[in-house]
Amino acid sequence: MAALSYDSADVLRDFAQRRGITFPLLSDPESRVIRAFGLLNEIDYPVGNAAYGVPFPGTFVTDGRGVIRRKTFERTYQERRTAASLLVADGAMPGEGSTVVQDAQFTLKTSASNGEASTGQRITLILDFEMGPRMHAYAPGVKGYKPLAFRLDPHPLVTTHEVVLPESTPYRFEPLNETVPVFEGAFRVTQDVTVLAPPRPAAGAPAASPITDIHLTGTLDYQTCSDTLCHAPGTAALRWTIRLKPLDRERAPEALRRRP
């Protein structure tokens, strides 16, 4: 892994030492590489702006041969998907803080891509299902049954993104002459959230205690069947706790930050 910015090598060296960063931080002070990739942000930082040369904030994920397999961009640099969230999107890793929900028809393990996050970071909540033998859960688009659905409760410290479901498979039930979309075997459902800044106290109000944890709750609706028996629709209450990390607001010394 490597990170590239238009900051000088001295600024990057100072930052890496302060934060204990061991992967390469690459300096592109004239934005040559940034321009070559077509990433120069001239919308927010036009010529004449003190920050001219800044790229659009993005992440490229490559395979072992260096072929780009995924690229993710955010509108502003203050918001960024975590590396762990990117890996989860490719199914490459389990999450942190796993909790098991056992049902007679399936096992559900809930976790998160990151156990802690800072303001602006986009992380992933994970629901890993393992259906029982010859069991299936109904997928969206089914009629006459309750499809699997997850709803995250609103929380003032996160922005909620769309729930991502796997592709369903068609299931043929001959006795009723019907074909319905279902989920079978092992599959994963994910929900991304972006962490927001805690509210500032009103002018003159006493300082509030710092927020250290974000408690997220949600509801899972589902209906499962086997090839001989359908079960009544069910509901499960789910919960995640994300530790809130303070932002790093320390700057490099002014002498290092002067641009030529």
Protein backbone atom coordinates (compact mmCIF):
# COMPACT_ATOMS: atom_id res chain seq x y z
CA MET A 1 0.00 0.00 0.00
CA ALA A 2 1.13 3.56 -0.69
CA ALA A 3 -0.41 7.02 -0.40
CA LEU A 4 0.28 9.91 -2.76
CA SER A 5 -0.32 13.63 -2.24
CA TYR A 6 1.10 16.95 -3.39
CA ASP A 7 2.69 17.57 0.03
CA SER A 8 6.46 17.85 0.27
CA ALA A 9 8.61 14.94 1.39
CA ASP A 10 9.41 16.86 4.61
CA VAL A 11 5.72 17.30 5.50
CA LEU A 12 5.00 13.64 4.78
CA ARG A 13 8.03 12.53 6.81
CA ASP A 14 6.86 14.63 9.79
CA PHE A 15 3.31 13.21 9.52
CA ALA A 16 4.51 9.61 9.21
CA GLN A 17 6.73 9.94 12.27
CA ARG A 18 3.97 11.50 14.40
CA ARG A 19 1.36 8.91 13.43
CA GLY A 20 3.57 5.84 13.23
CA ILE A 21 2.85 5.26 9.51
CA THR A 22 5.09 2.59 8.00
CA PHE A 23 3.78 2.32 4.43
CA PRO A 24 5.21 4.70 1.78
CA LEU A 25 3.87 8.27 1.58
CA LEU A 26 4.73 9.50 -1.90
CA SER A 27 5.39 13.17 -2.61
CA ASP A 28 4.11 14.69 -5.88
CA PRO A 29 4.80 18.40 -5.24
CA GLU A 30 4.13 19.52 -8.82
CA SER A 31 1.07 17.22 -9.13
CA ARG A 32 2.60 15.50 -12.17
CA VAL A 33 1.33 12.03 -11.24
CA ILE A 34 -1.99 13.51 -10.11
CA ARG A 35 -2.39 15.13 -13.55
CA ALA A 36 -1.32 11.94 -15.34
CA PHE A 37 -4.15 10.06 -13.62
CA GLY A 38 -6.61 12.84 -14.48
CA LEU A 39 -7.32 13.50 -10.80
CA LEU A 40 -6.45 17.19 -10.46
CA ASN A 41 -9.27 18.94 -8.59
CA GLU A 42 -9.60 22.28 -10.38
CA ILE A 43 -13.26 22.63 -9.36
CA ASP A 44 -12.72 23.25 -5.65
CA TYR A 45 -9.11 24.44 -5.96
CA PRO A 46 -8.67 26.47 -9.19
CA VAL A 47 -5.48 28.20 -10.30
CA GLY A 48 -4.62 30.88 -7.75
CA ASN A 49 -6.04 28.94 -4.80
CA ALA A 50 -3.47 28.25 -2.07
CA ALA A 51 -4.28 24.53 -2.32
CA TYR A 52 -4.09 24.33 -6.13
CA GLY A 53 -2.70 20.93 -7.11
CA VAL A 54 -4.87 18.86 -4.77
CA PRO A 55 -6.34 15.69 -6.31
CA PHE A 56 -9.84 14.34 -5.97
CA PRO A 57 -9.64 11.98 -2.97
CA GLY A 58 -9.65 8.39 -4.13
CA THR A 59 -8.37 4.88 -3.57
CA PHE A 60 -7.21 2.38 -6.17
CA VAL A 61 -7.15 -1.32 -5.28
CA THR A 62 -4.92 -3.54 -7.41
CA ASP A 63 -4.37 -7.26 -7.59
CA GLY A 64 -0.99 -8.97 -7.23
CA ARG A 65 -0.11 -8.10 -10.84
CA GLY A 66 -0.81 -4.41 -10.39
CA VAL A 67 -4.08 -4.47 -12.35
CA ILE A 68 -6.63 -2.03 -10.94
CA ARG A 69 -9.65 -4.01 -9.70
CA ARG A 70 -11.55 -1.27 -7.86
CA LYS A 71 -11.45 2.50 -7.54
CA THR A 72 -13.42 4.50 -5.02
CA PHE A 73 -13.71 8.30 -4.88
CA GLU A 74 -15.29 10.70 -2.45
CA ARG A 75 -16.55 14.21 -3.09
CA THR A 76 -14.29 15.80 -0.46
CA TYR A 77 -11.09 14.69 1.23
CA GLN A 78 -12.79 14.93 4.66
CA GLU A 79 -14.77 11.76 3.84
CA ARG A 80 -12.99 8.54 2.99
CA ARG A 81 -13.79 4.84 2.93
CA THR A 82 -11.47 2.87 5.21
CA ALA A 83 -9.08 0.27 3.80
CA ALA A 84 -10.86 -2.42 5.81
CA SER A 85 -14.20 -1.36 4.29
CA LEU A 86 -12.74 -1.71 0.79
CA LEU A 87 -11.54 -5.23 1.61
CA VAL A 88 -14.93 -6.18 3.04
CA ALA A 89 -16.58 -5.02 -0.20
CA ASP A 90 -14.51 -7.66 -2.01
CA GLY A 91 -15.33 -10.31 0.57
CA ALA A 92 -11.67 -10.55 1.53
CA MET A 93 -11.99 -10.41 5.30
CA PRO A 94 -14.38 -10.81 8.24
CA GLY A 95 -15.20 -7.84 10.40
CA GLU A 96 -14.34 -6.85 13.97
CA GLY A 97 -16.50 -7.35 17.06
CA SER A 98 -18.38 -10.40 15.82
CA THR A 99 -21.73 -11.27 17.43
CA VAL A 100 -23.61 -14.50 16.67
CA VAL A 101 -27.39 -14.64 16.30
CA GLN A 102 -28.59 -18.24 16.21
CA ASP A 103 -31.91 -19.08 14.58
CA ALA A 104 -33.36 -22.54 14.02
CA GLN A 105 -33.04 -22.02 10.25
CA PHE A 106 -29.76 -20.06 9.98
CA THR A 107 -26.73 -18.64 11.80
CA LEU A 108 -26.05 -14.90 11.53
CA LYS A 109 -22.74 -13.29 12.49
CA THR A 110 -22.74 -9.49 12.69
CA SER A 111 -19.53 -7.45 12.69
CA ALA A 112 -18.04 -4.20 11.38
CA SER A 113 -15.13 -3.51 9.06
CA ASN A 114 -13.65 -1.25 11.76
CA GLY A 115 -14.06 -1.35 15.52
CA GLU A 116 -13.20 2.35 15.70
CA ALA A 117 -13.51 5.27 13.31
CA SER A 118 -13.00 9.02 13.07
CA THR A 119 -15.24 11.74 11.71
CA GLY A 120 -15.52 11.42 7.93
CA GLN A 121 -14.59 7.75 7.72
CA ARG A 122 -16.90 5.40 5.85
CA ILE A 123 -17.08 1.95 7.40
CA THR A 124 -19.12 -1.18 6.70
CA LEU A 125 -21.53 -3.07 8.94
CA ILE A 126 -21.56 -6.76 8.05
CA LEU A 127 -24.24 -9.47 8.27
CA ASP A 128 -22.83 -12.91 7.41
CA PHE A 129 -25.50 -15.59 6.98
CA GLU A 130 -25.14 -19.38 6.93
CA MET A 131 -28.44 -21.01 6.00
CA GLY A 132 -29.26 -24.45 7.39
CA PRO A 133 -29.31 -27.53 5.14
CA ARG A 134 -31.98 -27.31 2.42
CA MET A 135 -33.11 -23.92 3.79
CA HIS A 136 -33.52 -20.63 1.94
CA ALA A 137 -34.50 -17.06 2.77
CA TYR A 138 -36.69 -15.09 0.41
CA ALA A 139 -35.11 -12.24 -1.52
CA PRO A 140 -36.54 -8.86 -2.61
CA GLY A 141 -38.96 -9.17 -5.51
CA VAL A 142 -40.78 -12.18 -4.08
CA LYS A 143 -44.58 -12.09 -3.86
CA GLY A 144 -46.64 -13.79 -1.18
CA TYR A 145 -43.66 -14.14 1.20
CA LYS A 146 -41.65 -11.72 3.35
CA PRO A 147 -38.27 -10.90 1.76
CA LEU A 148 -35.09 -10.44 3.76
CA ALA A 149 -34.59 -6.76 4.60
CA PHE A 150 -32.32 -4.82 6.95
CA ARG A 151 -33.10 -1.35 8.29
CA LEU A 152 -30.60 0.66 10.32
CA ASP A 153 -32.18 3.01 12.84
CA PRO A 154 -31.38 6.72 12.37
CA HIS A 155 -28.45 8.01 14.42
CA PRO A 156 -27.26 11.63 14.64
CA LEU A 157 -23.59 10.66 14.24
CA VAL A 158 -23.77 8.67 11.00
CA THR A 159 -24.96 9.05 7.44
CA THR A 160 -26.52 5.83 6.20
CA HIS A 161 -25.84 4.48 2.70
CA GLU A 162 -27.72 1.82 0.74
CA VAL A 163 -27.92 -1.75 1.97
CA VAL A 164 -26.04 -4.11 -0.37
CA LEU A 165 -27.59 -7.54 -0.91
CA PRO A 166 -26.06 -10.44 -2.84
CA GLU A 167 -27.56 -11.69 -6.07
CA SER A 168 -30.49 -13.99 -5.47
CA THR A 169 -31.01 -17.37 -7.13
CA PRO A 170 -34.28 -18.70 -8.57
CA TYR A 171 -35.92 -21.47 -6.57
CA ARG A 172 -38.49 -23.71 -8.21
CA PHE A 173 -41.24 -25.18 -5.97
CA GLU A 174 -43.11 -27.69 -8.08
CA PRO A 175 -46.12 -28.36 -5.75
CA LEU A 176 -47.22 -24.72 -6.11
CA ASN A 177 -45.86 -24.29 -9.64
CA GLU A 178 -43.87 -21.22 -8.60
CA THR A 179 -40.36 -19.89 -9.05
CA VAL A 180 -39.19 -17.37 -6.47
CA PRO A 181 -35.92 -15.45 -5.74
CA VAL A 182 -34.07 -16.73 -2.67
CA PHE A 183 -30.78 -16.64 -0.79
CA GLU A 184 -29.16 -19.98 -0.01
CA GLY A 185 -25.99 -21.26 1.66
CA ALA A 186 -23.52 -18.63 2.91
CA PHE A 187 -24.05 -15.01 1.87
CA ARG A 188 -23.23 -11.50 3.08
CA VAL A 189 -25.33 -8.35 3.48
CA THR A 190 -23.54 -5.03 4.08
CA GLN A 191 -24.51 -1.55 5.20
CA ASP A 192 -22.11 1.39 4.87
CA VAL A 193 -22.21 4.35 7.24
CA THR A 194 -20.14 7.54 7.28
CA VAL A 195 -19.23 8.92 10.70
CA LEU A 196 -20.27 12.53 11.32
CA ALA A 197 -18.77 15.11 13.64
CA PRO A 198 -20.33 15.35 17.11
CA PRO A 199 -22.39 18.53 17.53
CA ARG A 200 -20.69 21.52 19.09
CA PRO A 201 -22.26 22.99 22.23
CA ALA A 202 -24.18 26.23 21.79
CA ALA A 203 -22.42 29.48 22.61
CA GLY A 204 -22.24 29.92 26.37
CA ALA A 205 -23.35 26.35 27.06
CA PRO A 206 -21.14 24.15 29.23
CA ALA A 207 -18.90 21.75 27.37
CA ALA A 208 -20.49 18.33 26.97
CA SER A 209 -18.71 15.13 27.86
CA PRO A 210 -16.83 13.78 24.83
CA ILE A 211 -18.58 11.04 22.90
CA THR A 212 -16.49 7.88 22.91
CA ASP A 213 -18.88 5.27 21.44
CA ILE A 214 -21.49 5.22 18.68
CA HIS A 215 -24.21 2.66 19.37
CA LEU A 216 -26.02 1.60 16.19
CA THR A 217 -29.18 -0.50 16.14
CA GLY A 218 -31.19 -2.03 13.35
CA THR A 219 -33.89 -4.53 12.48
CA LEU A 220 -33.67 -7.61 10.28
CA ASP A 221 -36.88 -8.96 8.73
CA TYR A 222 -36.91 -12.37 7.04
CA GLN A 223 -38.85 -15.48 6.16
CA THR A 224 -37.28 -18.88 5.63
CA CYS A 225 -38.49 -22.12 4.10
CA SER A 226 -37.22 -25.58 3.34
CA ASP A 227 -38.28 -27.70 0.40
CA THR A 228 -41.18 -29.02 2.50
CA LEU A 229 -42.01 -26.42 5.17
CA CYS A 230 -42.39 -22.62 5.35
CA HIS A 231 -41.77 -20.81 8.63
CA ALA A 232 -43.58 -17.72 9.86
CA PRO A 233 -41.87 -14.38 9.15
CA GLY A 234 -39.29 -13.40 11.78
CA THR A 235 -37.60 -10.27 13.09
CA ALA A 236 -34.23 -9.83 14.82
CA ALA A 237 -32.88 -6.75 16.60
CA LEU A 238 -29.19 -6.10 15.81
CA ARG A 239 -26.60 -3.84 17.43
CA TRP A 240 -23.09 -2.52 16.76
CA THR A 241 -20.78 -0.33 18.85
CA ILE A 242 -18.13 1.78 17.09
CA ARG A 243 -15.48 3.59 19.12
CA LEU A 244 -15.14 7.23 18.06
CA LYS A 245 -11.52 8.31 17.53
CA PRO A 246 -10.61 12.00 17.80
CA LEU A 247 -9.31 13.65 14.65
CA ASP A 248 -5.61 14.39 14.30
CA ARG A 249 -5.58 18.19 14.17
CA GLU A 250 -1.84 18.66 14.62
CA ARG A 251 -0.15 20.32 11.66
CA ALA A 252 3.37 20.07 10.37
CA PRO A 253 5.60 23.00 11.37
CA GLU A 254 4.98 26.12 9.30
CA ALA A 255 8.48 25.99 7.84
CA LEU A 256 7.73 22.57 6.35
CA ARG A 257 4.37 23.63 4.97
CA ARG A 258 5.61 26.53 2.83
CA ARG A 259 5.14 25.67 -0.83
CA PRO A 260 7.70 26.88 -3.38
